Amino acid sequence: MELYDINIYSKSDRYYIEQIGTFVRSSRLSQNKTQQQLADEAGINRTTLVQLEKGKSVNLLSLVQVLRSLKKLYVFREMEAKPQLSPLQLAEIEHKYKQRERARPTKTQKNKLQSDW
């Protein structure tokens, strides 16, 4: 485990919830939206948004709705499951699409090359 990982895991859950609230609040203010405007756009109560910005626990769906309204869903990009190929699958694909490196005469071409002597 790297030092960077140790720093991440040493912080409490509360710290990360507060960081999310700070992120939402600063994003809202940078877009010059009031809490009521954002809550209406996200389809949630203003009280829920206040709780979120204060670092209180809220429903995950509410967080997604708020981030969608703020056009900040990119924060979930790191969580996307990416299909991974096994080494065998990768080798099969490489073999299938490998460029030929040289040509070989076919059987009919070999017969023509034989001399009549």
PDB file of N, CA and C in Angstrom:
ATOM      1  N   MET A   1       0.846  -1.181   0.000  1.00  0.00           N
ATOM      2  CA  MET A   1       0.000   0.000   0.000  1.00  0.00           C
ATOM      3  C   MET A   1       0.888   1.241   0.000  1.00  0.00           C
ATOM      4  N   GLU A   2       0.586   2.166  -0.915  1.00  0.00           N
ATOM      5  CA  GLU A   2       1.388   3.364  -1.039  1.00  0.00           C
ATOM      6  C   GLU A   2       1.005   4.379   0.033  1.00  0.00           C
ATOM      7  N   LEU A   3       1.869   5.356   0.247  1.00  0.00           N
ATOM      8  CA  LEU A   3       1.621   6.409   1.218  1.00  0.00           C
ATOM      9  C   LEU A   3       0.336   7.149   0.877  1.00  0.00           C
ATOM     10  N   TYR A   4       0.100   7.360  -0.409  1.00  0.00           N
ATOM     11  CA  TYR A   4      -1.115   8.047  -0.847  1.00  0.00           C
ATOM     12  C   TYR A   4      -2.357   7.293  -0.360  1.00  0.00           C
ATOM     13  N   ASP A   5      -2.352   5.979  -0.483  1.00  0.00           N
ATOM     14  CA  ASP A   5      -3.482   5.168  -0.044  1.00  0.00           C
ATOM     15  C   ASP A   5      -3.686   5.272   1.460  1.00  0.00           C
ATOM     16  N   ILE A   6      -2.602   5.306   2.209  1.00  0.00           N
ATOM     17  CA  ILE A   6      -2.700   5.398   3.666  1.00  0.00           C
ATOM     18  C   ILE A   6      -3.373   6.706   4.057  1.00  0.00           C
ATOM     19  N   ASN A   7      -3.024   7.804   3.398  1.00  0.00           N
ATOM     20  CA  ASN A   7      -3.645   9.085   3.697  1.00  0.00           C
ATOM     21  C   ASN A   7      -5.135   9.076   3.392  1.00  0.00           C
ATOM     22  N   ILE A   8      -5.519   8.423   2.311  1.00  0.00           N
ATOM     23  CA  ILE A   8      -6.938   8.362   1.949  1.00  0.00           C
ATOM     24  C   ILE A   8      -7.719   7.563   2.987  1.00  0.00           C
ATOM     25  N   TYR A   9      -7.212   6.423   3.370  1.00  0.00           N
ATOM     26  CA  TYR A   9      -7.946   5.551   4.268  1.00  0.00           C
ATOM     27  C   TYR A   9      -7.871   5.971   5.733  1.00  0.00           C
ATOM     28  N   SER A  10      -6.986   6.888   6.053  1.00  0.00           N
ATOM     29  CA  SER A  10      -6.887   7.333   7.437  1.00  0.00           C
ATOM     30  C   SER A  10      -7.956   8.365   7.785  1.00  0.00           C
ATOM     31  N   LYS A  11      -8.620   8.913   6.767  1.00  0.00           N
ATOM     32  CA  LYS A  11      -9.657   9.915   7.016  1.00  0.00           C
ATOM     33  C   LYS A  11     -10.991   9.226   7.279  1.00  0.00           C
ATOM     34  N   SER A  12     -11.817   9.881   8.084  1.00  0.00           N
ATOM     35  CA  SER A  12     -13.094   9.281   8.489  1.00  0.00           C
ATOM     36  C   SER A  12     -14.147   9.399   7.395  1.00  0.00           C
ATOM     37  N   ASP A  13     -15.200   8.612   7.547  1.00  0.00           N
ATOM     38  CA  ASP A  13     -16.333   8.682   6.626  1.00  0.00           C
ATOM     39  C   ASP A  13     -16.964  10.071   6.686  1.00  0.00           C
ATOM     40  N   ARG A  14     -17.062  10.606   7.889  1.00  0.00           N
ATOM     41  CA  ARG A  14     -17.633  11.943   8.083  1.00  0.00           C
ATOM     42  C   ARG A  14     -16.860  12.978   7.259  1.00  0.00           C
ATOM     43  N   TYR A  15     -15.537  12.865   7.234  1.00  0.00           N
ATOM     44  CA  TYR A  15     -14.700  13.788   6.462  1.00  0.00           C
ATOM     45  C   TYR A  15     -15.117  13.776   4.991  1.00  0.00           C
ATOM     46  N   TYR A  16     -15.312  12.582   4.427  1.00  0.00           N
ATOM     47  CA  TYR A  16     -15.666  12.474   3.013  1.00  0.00           C
ATOM     48  C   TYR A  16     -17.075  12.981   2.742  1.00  0.00           C
ATOM     49  N   ILE A  17     -17.994  12.757   3.652  1.00  0.00           N
ATOM     50  CA  ILE A  17     -19.351  13.283   3.488  1.00  0.00           C
ATOM     51  C   ILE A  17     -19.325  14.809   3.509  1.00  0.00           C
ATOM     52  N   GLU A  18     -18.506  15.370   4.389  1.00  0.00           N
ATOM     53  CA  GLU A  18     -18.368  16.829   4.438  1.00  0.00           C
ATOM     54  C   GLU A  18     -17.704  17.356   3.161  1.00  0.00           C
ATOM     55  N   GLN A  19     -16.749  16.623   2.624  1.00  0.00           N
ATOM     56  CA  GLN A  19     -16.097  17.023   1.373  1.00  0.00           C
ATOM     57  C   GLN A  19     -17.103  17.051   0.223  1.00  0.00           C
ATOM     58  N   ILE A  20     -17.995  16.075   0.197  1.00  0.00           N
ATOM     59  CA  ILE A  20     -19.031  16.038  -0.836  1.00  0.00           C
ATOM     60  C   ILE A  20     -19.924  17.265  -0.698  1.00  0.00           C
ATOM     61  N   GLY A  21     -20.317  17.576   0.528  1.00  0.00           N
ATOM     62  CA  GLY A  21     -21.152  18.757   0.772  1.00  0.00           C
ATOM     63  C   GLY A  21     -20.460  20.031   0.333  1.00  0.00           C
ATOM     64  N   THR A  22     -19.184  20.157   0.634  1.00  0.00           N
ATOM     65  CA  THR A  22     -18.412  21.332   0.222  1.00  0.00           C
ATOM     66  C   THR A  22     -18.331  21.422  -1.305  1.00  0.00           C
ATOM     67  N   PHE A  23     -18.131  20.286  -1.948  1.00  0.00           N
ATOM     68  CA  PHE A  23     -18.064  20.242  -3.414  1.00  0.00           C
ATOM     69  C   PHE A  23     -19.382  20.707  -4.025  1.00  0.00           C
ATOM     70  N   VAL A  24     -20.493  20.192  -3.499  1.00  0.00           N
ATOM     71  CA  VAL A  24     -21.815  20.552  -4.019  1.00  0.00           C
ATOM     72  C   VAL A  24     -22.062  22.046  -3.822  1.00  0.00           C
ATOM     73  N   ARG A  25     -21.765  22.556  -2.625  1.00  0.00           N
ATOM     74  CA  ARG A  25     -21.998  23.978  -2.323  1.00  0.00           C
ATOM     75  C   ARG A  25     -21.157  24.871  -3.233  1.00  0.00           C
ATOM     76  N   SER A  26     -19.872  24.568  -3.373  1.00  0.00           N
ATOM     77  CA  SER A  26     -19.014  25.417  -4.206  1.00  0.00           C
ATOM     78  C   SER A  26     -19.419  25.343  -5.675  1.00  0.00           C
ATOM     79  N   SER A  27     -19.860  24.168  -6.125  1.00  0.00           N
ATOM     80  CA  SER A  27     -20.327  24.029  -7.508  1.00  0.00           C
ATOM     81  C   SER A  27     -21.595  24.840  -7.732  1.00  0.00           C
ATOM     82  N   ARG A  28     -22.497  24.781  -6.761  1.00  0.00           N
ATOM     83  CA  ARG A  28     -23.754  25.548  -6.857  1.00  0.00           C
ATOM     84  C   ARG A  28     -23.459  27.038  -6.910  1.00  0.00           C
ATOM     85  N   LEU A  29     -22.590  27.519  -6.013  1.00  0.00           N
ATOM     86  CA  LEU A  29     -22.272  28.947  -5.970  1.00  0.00           C
ATOM     87  C   LEU A  29     -21.538  29.402  -7.231  1.00  0.00           C
ATOM     88  N   SER A  30     -20.664  28.549  -7.782  1.00  0.00           N
ATOM     89  CA  SER A  30     -19.950  28.929  -8.999  1.00  0.00           C
ATOM     90  C   SER A  30     -20.905  29.053 -10.193  1.00  0.00           C
ATOM     91  N   GLN A  31     -22.040  28.361 -10.105  1.00  0.00           N
ATOM     92  CA  GLN A  31     -23.058  28.465 -11.161  1.00  0.00           C
ATOM     93  C   GLN A  31     -24.105  29.521 -10.813  1.00  0.00           C
ATOM     94  N   ASN A  32     -23.891  30.221  -9.690  1.00  0.00           N
ATOM     95  CA  ASN A  32     -24.765  31.312  -9.246  1.00  0.00           C
ATOM     96  C   ASN A  32     -26.218  30.853  -9.092  1.00  0.00           C
ATOM     97  N   LYS A  33     -26.390  29.705  -8.448  1.00  0.00           N
ATOM     98  CA  LYS A  33     -27.735  29.177  -8.211  1.00  0.00           C
ATOM     99  C   LYS A  33     -28.030  29.237  -6.721  1.00  0.00           C
ATOM    100  N   THR A  34     -29.277  29.518  -6.401  1.00  0.00           N
ATOM    101  CA  THR A  34     -29.689  29.471  -5.006  1.00  0.00           C
ATOM    102  C   THR A  34     -29.968  28.017  -4.639  1.00  0.00           C
ATOM    103  N   GLN A  35     -30.072  27.772  -3.350  1.00  0.00           N
ATOM    104  CA  GLN A  35     -30.397  26.411  -2.915  1.00  0.00           C
ATOM    105  C   GLN A  35     -31.761  25.996  -3.455  1.00  0.00           C
ATOM    106  N   GLN A  36     -32.714  26.924  -3.450  1.00  0.00           N
ATOM    107  CA  GLN A  36     -34.056  26.603  -3.929  1.00  0.00           C
ATOM    108  C   GLN A  36     -34.046  26.286  -5.428  1.00  0.00           C
ATOM    109  N   GLN A  37     -33.281  27.044  -6.200  1.00  0.00           N
ATOM    110  CA  GLN A  37     -33.191  26.781  -7.646  1.00  0.00           C
ATOM    111  C   GLN A  37     -32.618  25.396  -7.920  1.00  0.00           C
ATOM    112  N   LEU A  38     -31.530  25.082  -7.237  1.00  0.00           N
ATOM    113  CA  LEU A  38     -30.903  23.775  -7.456  1.00  0.00           C
ATOM    114  C   LEU A  38     -31.810  22.649  -6.991  1.00  0.00           C
ATOM    115  N   ALA A  39     -32.438  22.833  -5.846  1.00  0.00           N
ATOM    116  CA  ALA A  39     -33.345  21.798  -5.336  1.00  0.00           C
ATOM    117  C   ALA A  39     -34.483  21.551  -6.321  1.00  0.00           C
ATOM    118  N   ASP A  40     -35.033  22.628  -6.874  1.00  0.00           N
ATOM    119  CA  ASP A  40     -36.117  22.481  -7.856  1.00  0.00           C
ATOM    120  C   ASP A  40     -35.627  21.763  -9.105  1.00  0.00           C
ATOM    121  N   GLU A  41     -34.443  22.132  -9.595  1.00  0.00           N
ATOM    122  CA  GLU A  41     -33.893  21.479 -10.785  1.00  0.00           C
ATOM    123  C   GLU A  41     -33.633  19.993 -10.539  1.00  0.00           C
ATOM    124  N   ALA A  42     -33.173  19.673  -9.339  1.00  0.00           N
ATOM    125  CA  ALA A  42     -32.842  18.280  -9.008  1.00  0.00           C
ATOM    126  C   ALA A  42     -34.070  17.466  -8.618  1.00  0.00           C
ATOM    127  N   GLY A  43     -35.168  18.140  -8.333  1.00  0.00           N
ATOM    128  CA  GLY A  43     -36.387  17.427  -7.946  1.00  0.00           C
ATOM    129  C   GLY A  43     -36.336  16.927  -6.509  1.00  0.00           C
ATOM    130  N   ILE A  44     -35.649  17.675  -5.646  1.00  0.00           N
ATOM    131  CA  ILE A  44     -35.564  17.311  -4.224  1.00  0.00           C
ATOM    132  C   ILE A  44     -36.017  18.504  -3.386  1.00  0.00           C
ATOM    133  N   ASN A  45     -36.204  18.262  -2.088  1.00  0.00           N
ATOM    134  CA  ASN A  45     -36.553  19.354  -1.173  1.00  0.00           C
ATOM    135  C   ASN A  45     -35.327  20.196  -0.886  1.00  0.00           C
ATOM    136  N   ARG A  46     -35.550  21.476  -0.635  1.00  0.00           N
ATOM    137  CA  ARG A  46     -34.444  22.358  -0.270  1.00  0.00           C
ATOM    138  C   ARG A  46     -33.783  21.870   1.011  1.00  0.00           C
ATOM    139  N   THR A  47     -34.568  21.325   1.936  1.00  0.00           N
ATOM    140  CA  THR A  47     -34.033  20.808   3.191  1.00  0.00           C
ATOM    141  C   THR A  47     -33.011  19.706   2.945  1.00  0.00           C
ATOM    142  N   THR A  48     -33.288  18.846   1.976  1.00  0.00           N
ATOM    143  CA  THR A  48     -32.359  17.770   1.627  1.00  0.00           C
ATOM    144  C   THR A  48     -31.053  18.355   1.103  1.00  0.00           C
ATOM    145  N   LEU A  49     -31.148  19.390   0.274  1.00  0.00           N
ATOM    146  CA  LEU A  49     -29.950  20.036  -0.258  1.00  0.00           C
ATOM    147  C   LEU A  49     -29.144  20.693   0.861  1.00  0.00           C
ATOM    148  N   VAL A  50     -29.830  21.332   1.794  1.00  0.00           N
ATOM    149  CA  VAL A  50     -29.146  21.953   2.941  1.00  0.00           C
ATOM    150  C   VAL A  50     -28.392  20.893   3.726  1.00  0.00           C
ATOM    151  N   GLN A  51     -29.038  19.758   3.967  1.00  0.00           N
ATOM    152  CA  GLN A  51     -28.380  18.665   4.693  1.00  0.00           C
ATOM    153  C   GLN A  51     -27.153  18.171   3.934  1.00  0.00           C
ATOM    154  N   LEU A  52     -27.281  18.032   2.640  1.00  0.00           N
ATOM    155  CA  LEU A  52     -26.171  17.573   1.817  1.00  0.00           C
ATOM    156  C   LEU A  52     -24.999  18.544   1.898  1.00  0.00           C
ATOM    157  N   GLU A  53     -25.270  19.830   1.769  1.00  0.00           N
ATOM    158  CA  GLU A  53     -24.209  20.831   1.806  1.00  0.00           C
ATOM    159  C   GLU A  53     -23.556  20.942   3.188  1.00  0.00           C
ATOM    160  N   LYS A  54     -24.298  20.607   4.223  1.00  0.00           N
ATOM    161  CA  LYS A  54     -23.746  20.660   5.587  1.00  0.00           C
ATOM    162  C   LYS A  54     -22.979  19.392   5.952  1.00  0.00           C
ATOM    163  N   GLY A  55     -22.951  18.431   5.050  1.00  0.00           N
ATOM    164  CA  GLY A  55     -22.221  17.200   5.318  1.00  0.00           C
ATOM    165  C   GLY A  55     -23.008  16.192   6.122  1.00  0.00           C
ATOM    166  N   LYS A  56     -24.312  16.273   6.035  1.00  0.00           N
ATOM    167  CA  LYS A  56     -25.175  15.291   6.696  1.00  0.00           C
ATOM    168  C   LYS A  56     -25.468  14.170   5.709  1.00  0.00           C
ATOM    169  N   SER A  57     -25.839  13.036   6.236  1.00  0.00           N
ATOM    170  CA  SER A  57     -26.153  11.898   5.368  1.00  0.00           C
ATOM    171  C   SER A  57     -27.458  12.143   4.622  1.00  0.00           C
ATOM    172  N   VAL A  58     -27.434  11.892   3.324  1.00  0.00           N
ATOM    173  CA  VAL A  58     -28.639  11.987   2.498  1.00  0.00           C
ATOM    174  C   VAL A  58     -28.714  10.742   1.626  1.00  0.00           C
ATOM    175  N   ASN A  59     -29.841  10.583   1.009  1.00  0.00           N
ATOM    176  CA  ASN A  59     -30.081   9.463   0.107  1.00  0.00           C
ATOM    177  C   ASN A  59     -29.125   9.565  -1.088  1.00  0.00           C
ATOM    178  N   LEU A  60     -28.577   8.457  -1.495  1.00  0.00           N
ATOM    179  CA  LEU A  60     -27.657   8.436  -2.633  1.00  0.00           C
ATOM    180  C   LEU A  60     -28.332   8.935  -3.910  1.00  0.00           C
ATOM    181  N   LEU A  61     -29.602   8.616  -4.092  1.00  0.00           N
ATOM    182  CA  LEU A  61     -30.346   9.083  -5.253  1.00  0.00           C
ATOM    183  C   LEU A  61     -30.398  10.610  -5.275  1.00  0.00           C
ATOM    184  N   SER A  62     -30.571  11.221  -4.120  1.00  0.00           N
ATOM    185  CA  SER A  62     -30.595  12.689  -4.042  1.00  0.00           C
ATOM    186  C   SER A  62     -29.256  13.267  -4.479  1.00  0.00           C
ATOM    187  N   LEU A  63     -28.173  12.649  -4.065  1.00  0.00           N
ATOM    188  CA  LEU A  63     -26.843  13.110  -4.466  1.00  0.00           C
ATOM    189  C   LEU A  63     -26.690  13.035  -5.983  1.00  0.00           C
ATOM    190  N   VAL A  64     -27.105  11.949  -6.579  1.00  0.00           N
ATOM    191  CA  VAL A  64     -27.004  11.786  -8.032  1.00  0.00           C
ATOM    192  C   VAL A  64     -27.843  12.849  -8.745  1.00  0.00           C
ATOM    193  N   GLN A  65     -29.046  13.107  -8.242  1.00  0.00           N
ATOM    194  CA  GLN A  65     -29.913  14.110  -8.858  1.00  0.00           C
ATOM    195  C   GLN A  65     -29.278  15.498  -8.789  1.00  0.00           C
ATOM    196  N   VAL A  66     -28.677  15.821  -7.655  1.00  0.00           N
ATOM    197  CA  VAL A  66     -28.028  17.123  -7.496  1.00  0.00           C
ATOM    198  C   VAL A  66     -26.832  17.235  -8.427  1.00  0.00           C
ATOM    199  N   LEU A  67     -25.998  16.204  -8.470  1.00  0.00           N
ATOM    200  CA  LEU A  67     -24.829  16.240  -9.351  1.00  0.00           C
ATOM    201  C   LEU A  67     -25.232  16.316 -10.818  1.00  0.00           C
ATOM    202  N   ARG A  68     -26.318  15.659 -11.176  1.00  0.00           N
ATOM    203  CA  ARG A  68     -26.815  15.740 -12.558  1.00  0.00           C
ATOM    204  C   ARG A  68     -27.248  17.169 -12.869  1.00  0.00           C
ATOM    205  N   SER A  69     -27.943  17.802 -11.951  1.00  0.00           N
ATOM    206  CA  SER A  69     -28.395  19.175 -12.160  1.00  0.00           C
ATOM    207  C   SER A  69     -27.216  20.142 -12.265  1.00  0.00           C
ATOM    208  N   LEU A  70     -26.150  19.844 -11.529  1.00  0.00           N
ATOM    209  CA  LEU A  70     -24.951  20.684 -11.572  1.00  0.00           C
ATOM    210  C   LEU A  70     -24.040  20.333 -12.752  1.00  0.00           C
ATOM    211  N   LYS A  71     -24.411  19.284 -13.495  1.00  0.00           N
ATOM    212  CA  LYS A  71     -23.580  18.772 -14.605  1.00  0.00           C
ATOM    213  C   LYS A  71     -22.198  18.340 -14.088  1.00  0.00           C
ATOM    214  N   LYS A  72     -22.215  17.618 -12.965  1.00  0.00           N
ATOM    215  CA  LYS A  72     -20.977  17.155 -12.342  1.00  0.00           C
ATOM    216  C   LYS A  72     -20.944  15.635 -12.187  1.00  0.00           C
ATOM    217  N   LEU A  73     -21.689  14.926 -13.004  1.00  0.00           N
ATOM    218  CA  LEU A  73     -21.712  13.465 -12.902  1.00  0.00           C
ATOM    219  C   LEU A  73     -20.376  12.823 -13.244  1.00  0.00           C
ATOM    220  N   TYR A  74     -19.465  13.591 -13.812  1.00  0.00           N
ATOM    221  CA  TYR A  74     -18.148  13.048 -14.145  1.00  0.00           C
ATOM    222  C   TYR A  74     -17.421  12.513 -12.910  1.00  0.00           C
ATOM    223  N   VAL A  75     -17.826  12.920 -11.723  1.00  0.00           N
ATOM    224  CA  VAL A  75     -17.151  12.428 -10.520  1.00  0.00           C
ATOM    225  C   VAL A  75     -17.332  10.924 -10.346  1.00  0.00           C
ATOM    226  N   PHE A  76     -18.318  10.366 -11.013  1.00  0.00           N
ATOM    227  CA  PHE A  76     -18.550   8.920 -10.920  1.00  0.00           C
ATOM    228  C   PHE A  76     -17.779   8.138 -11.969  1.00  0.00           C
ATOM    229  N   ARG A  77     -17.084   8.819 -12.865  1.00  0.00           N
ATOM    230  CA  ARG A  77     -16.373   8.144 -13.958  1.00  0.00           C
ATOM    231  C   ARG A  77     -15.384   7.096 -13.437  1.00  0.00           C
ATOM    232  N   GLU A  78     -14.738   7.378 -12.347  1.00  0.00           N
ATOM    233  CA  GLU A  78     -13.743   6.452 -11.790  1.00  0.00           C
ATOM    234  C   GLU A  78     -14.384   5.153 -11.309  1.00  0.00           C
ATOM    235  N   MET A  79     -15.692   5.195 -11.024  1.00  0.00           N
ATOM    236  CA  MET A  79     -16.383   4.013 -10.493  1.00  0.00           C
ATOM    237  C   MET A  79     -16.936   3.102 -11.579  1.00  0.00           C
ATOM    238  N   GLU A  80     -16.855   3.537 -12.836  1.00  0.00           N
ATOM    239  CA  GLU A  80     -17.400   2.719 -13.912  1.00  0.00           C
ATOM    240  C   GLU A  80     -16.634   1.406 -14.024  1.00  0.00           C
ATOM    241  N   ALA A  81     -17.394   0.325 -14.128  1.00  0.00           N
ATOM    242  CA  ALA A  81     -16.777  -0.986 -14.293  1.00  0.00           C
ATOM    243  C   ALA A  81     -16.312  -1.125 -15.730  1.00  0.00           C
ATOM    244  N   LYS A  82     -15.050  -1.398 -15.896  1.00  0.00           N
ATOM    245  CA  LYS A  82     -14.487  -1.548 -17.232  1.00  0.00           C
ATOM    246  C   LYS A  82     -14.195  -3.025 -17.459  1.00  0.00           C
ATOM    247  N   PRO A  83     -14.677  -3.579 -18.579  1.00  0.00           N
ATOM    248  CA  PRO A  83     -14.406  -5.003 -18.834  1.00  0.00           C
ATOM    249  C   PRO A  83     -12.911  -5.231 -19.011  1.00  0.00           C
ATOM    250  N   GLN A  84     -12.437  -6.290 -18.420  1.00  0.00           N
ATOM    251  CA  GLN A  84     -11.019  -6.610 -18.499  1.00  0.00           C
ATOM    252  C   GLN A  84     -10.855  -7.951 -19.203  1.00  0.00           C
ATOM    253  N   LEU A  85      -9.869  -8.010 -20.056  1.00  0.00           N
ATOM    254  CA  LEU A  85      -9.580  -9.240 -20.777  1.00  0.00           C
ATOM    255  C   LEU A  85      -8.518 -10.037 -20.034  1.00  0.00           C
ATOM    256  N   SER A  86      -8.693 -11.344 -20.040  1.00  0.00           N
ATOM    257  CA  SER A  86      -7.670 -12.204 -19.463  1.00  0.00           C
ATOM    258  C   SER A  86      -6.497 -12.262 -20.446  1.00  0.00           C
ATOM    259  N   PRO A  87      -5.330 -12.642 -19.990  1.00  0.00           N
ATOM    260  CA  PRO A  87      -4.192 -12.754 -20.906  1.00  0.00           C
ATOM    261  C   PRO A  87      -4.458 -13.709 -22.066  1.00  0.00           C
ATOM    262  N   LEU A  88      -5.207 -14.783 -21.812  1.00  0.00           N
ATOM    263  CA  LEU A  88      -5.532 -15.720 -22.895  1.00  0.00           C
ATOM    264  C   LEU A  88      -6.444 -15.080 -23.935  1.00  0.00           C
ATOM    265  N   GLN A  89      -7.454 -14.330 -23.486  1.00  0.00           N
ATOM    266  CA  GLN A  89      -8.347 -13.655 -24.421  1.00  0.00           C
ATOM    267  C   GLN A  89      -7.576 -12.625 -25.251  1.00  0.00           C
ATOM    268  N   LEU A  90      -6.686 -11.907 -24.603  1.00  0.00           N
ATOM    269  CA  LEU A  90      -5.876 -10.905 -25.291  1.00  0.00           C
ATOM    270  C   LEU A  90      -4.987 -11.564 -26.352  1.00  0.00           C
ATOM    271  N   ALA A  91      -4.379 -12.691 -26.005  1.00  0.00           N
ATOM    272  CA  ALA A  91      -3.523 -13.405 -26.954  1.00  0.00           C
ATOM    273  C   ALA A  91      -4.332 -13.906 -28.147  1.00  0.00           C
ATOM    274  N   GLU A  92      -5.544 -14.406 -27.907  1.00  0.00           N
ATOM    275  CA  GLU A  92      -6.397 -14.880 -29.000  1.00  0.00           C
ATOM    276  C   GLU A  92      -6.751 -13.738 -29.948  1.00  0.00           C
ATOM    277  N   ILE A  93      -7.078 -12.589 -29.393  1.00  0.00           N
ATOM    278  CA  ILE A  93      -7.423 -11.431 -30.221  1.00  0.00           C
ATOM    279  C   ILE A  93      -6.223 -10.973 -31.031  1.00  0.00           C
ATOM    280  N   GLU A  94      -5.064 -10.918 -30.392  1.00  0.00           N
ATOM    281  CA  GLU A  94      -3.851 -10.504 -31.109  1.00  0.00           C
ATOM    282  C   GLU A  94      -3.525 -11.476 -32.237  1.00  0.00           C
ATOM    283  N   HIS A  95      -3.691 -12.773 -31.967  1.00  0.00           N
ATOM    284  CA  HIS A  95      -3.414 -13.789 -32.982  1.00  0.00           C
ATOM    285  C   HIS A  95      -4.393 -13.666 -34.158  1.00  0.00           C
ATOM    286  N   LYS A  96      -5.637 -13.416 -33.845  1.00  0.00           N
ATOM    287  CA  LYS A  96      -6.671 -13.335 -34.866  1.00  0.00           C
ATOM    288  C   LYS A  96      -6.431 -12.155 -35.814  1.00  0.00           C
ATOM    289  N   TYR A  97      -5.986 -11.028 -35.263  1.00  0.00           N
ATOM    290  CA  TYR A  97      -5.825  -9.826 -36.074  1.00  0.00           C
ATOM    291  C   TYR A  97      -4.365  -9.498 -36.398  1.00  0.00           C
ATOM    292  N   LYS A  98      -3.501 -10.463 -36.190  1.00  0.00           N
ATOM    293  CA  LYS A  98      -2.075 -10.236 -36.448  1.00  0.00           C
ATOM    294  C   LYS A  98      -1.839 -10.090 -37.948  1.00  0.00           C
ATOM    295  N   GLN A  99      -1.029  -9.126 -38.309  1.00  0.00           N
ATOM    296  CA  GLN A  99      -0.669  -8.897 -39.712  1.00  0.00           C
ATOM    297  C   GLN A  99       0.298  -9.997 -40.155  1.00  0.00           C
ATOM    298  N   ARG A 100       0.129 -10.442 -41.368  1.00  0.00           N
ATOM    299  CA  ARG A 100       1.060 -11.438 -41.897  1.00  0.00           C
ATOM    300  C   ARG A 100       2.412 -10.785 -42.091  1.00  0.00           C
ATOM    301  N   GLU A 101       3.445 -11.522 -41.772  1.00  0.00           N
ATOM    302  CA  GLU A 101       4.797 -10.996 -41.896  1.00  0.00           C
ATOM    303  C   GLU A 101       5.488 -11.451 -43.186  1.00  0.00           C
ATOM    304  N   ARG A 102       5.035 -12.576 -43.771  1.00  0.00           N
ATOM    305  CA  ARG A 102       5.603 -13.043 -45.030  1.00  0.00           C
ATOM    306  C   ARG A 102       4.586 -13.917 -45.740  1.00  0.00           C
ATOM    307  N   ALA A 103       4.830 -14.105 -47.001  1.00  0.00           N
ATOM    308  CA  ALA A 103       3.923 -14.905 -47.821  1.00  0.00           C
ATOM    309  C   ALA A 103       4.530 -16.277 -48.081  1.00  0.00           C
ATOM    310  N   ARG A 104       3.677 -17.273 -48.283  1.00  0.00           N
ATOM    311  CA  ARG A 104       4.093 -18.635 -48.602  1.00  0.00           C
ATOM    312  C   ARG A 104       3.389 -19.067 -49.872  1.00  0.00           C
ATOM    313  N   PRO A 105       4.063 -19.794 -50.709  1.00  0.00           N
ATOM    314  CA  PRO A 105       3.368 -20.258 -51.917  1.00  0.00           C
ATOM    315  C   PRO A 105       2.302 -21.285 -51.551  1.00  0.00           C
ATOM    316  N   THR A 106       1.231 -21.265 -52.282  1.00  0.00           N
ATOM    317  CA  THR A 106       0.170 -22.245 -52.050  1.00  0.00           C
ATOM    318  C   THR A 106       0.577 -23.564 -52.688  1.00  0.00           C
ATOM    319  N   LYS A 107      -0.173 -24.607 -52.478  1.00  0.00           N
ATOM    320  CA  LYS A 107       0.164 -25.928 -53.020  1.00  0.00           C
ATOM    321  C   LYS A 107       0.204 -25.904 -54.547  1.00  0.00           C
ATOM    322  N   THR A 108      -0.696 -25.214 -55.168  1.00  0.00           N
ATOM    323  CA  THR A 108      -0.702 -25.162 -56.639  1.00  0.00           C
ATOM    324  C   THR A 108       0.513 -24.404 -57.141  1.00  0.00           C
ATOM    325  N   GLN A 109       0.947 -23.391 -56.443  1.00  0.00           N
ATOM    326  CA  GLN A 109       2.138 -22.660 -56.852  1.00  0.00           C
ATOM    327  C   GLN A 109       3.386 -23.531 -56.685  1.00  0.00           C
ATOM    328  N   LYS A 110       3.433 -24.374 -55.686  1.00  0.00           N
ATOM    329  CA  LYS A 110       4.590 -25.266 -55.469  1.00  0.00           C
ATOM    330  C   LYS A 110       4.716 -26.252 -56.627  1.00  0.00           C
ATOM    331  N   ASN A 111       3.590 -26.786 -57.101  1.00  0.00           N
ATOM    332  CA  ASN A 111       3.614 -27.742 -58.207  1.00  0.00           C
ATOM    333  C   ASN A 111       4.134 -27.087 -59.496  1.00  0.00           C
ATOM    334  N   LYS A 112       3.775 -25.874 -59.716  1.00  0.00           N
ATOM    335  CA  LYS A 112       4.232 -25.165 -60.921  1.00  0.00           C
ATOM    336  C   LYS A 112       5.708 -24.879 -60.880  1.00  0.00           C
ATOM    337  N   LEU A 113       6.264 -24.727 -59.695  1.00  0.00           N
ATOM    338  CA  LEU A 113       7.668 -24.395 -59.568  1.00  0.00           C
ATOM    339  C   LEU A 113       8.587 -25.588 -59.842  1.00  0.00           C
ATOM    340  N   GLN A 114       8.087 -26.807 -59.840  1.00  0.00           N
ATOM    341  CA  GLN A 114       8.931 -27.973 -60.093  1.00  0.00           C
ATOM    342  C   GLN A 114       9.332 -28.011 -61.564  1.00  0.00           C
ATOM    343  N   SER A 115      10.547 -28.350 -61.782  1.00  0.00           N
ATOM    344  CA  SER A 115      11.052 -28.386 -63.168  1.00  0.00           C
ATOM    345  C   SER A 115      10.699 -29.720 -63.833  1.00  0.00           C
ATOM    346  N   ASP A 116      10.810 -29.712 -65.137  1.00  0.00           N
ATOM    347  CA  ASP A 116      10.478 -30.905 -65.919  1.00  0.00           C
ATOM    348  C   ASP A 116      11.708 -31.787 -66.141  1.00  0.00           C
ATOM    349  N   TRP A 117      12.784 -31.501 -65.706  1.00  0.00           N
ATOM    350  CA  TRP A 117      14.000 -32.266 -65.938  1.00  0.00           C
ATOM    351  C   TRP A 117      13.850 -33.624 -65.427  1.00  0.00           C
TER     352      TRP A 117
END
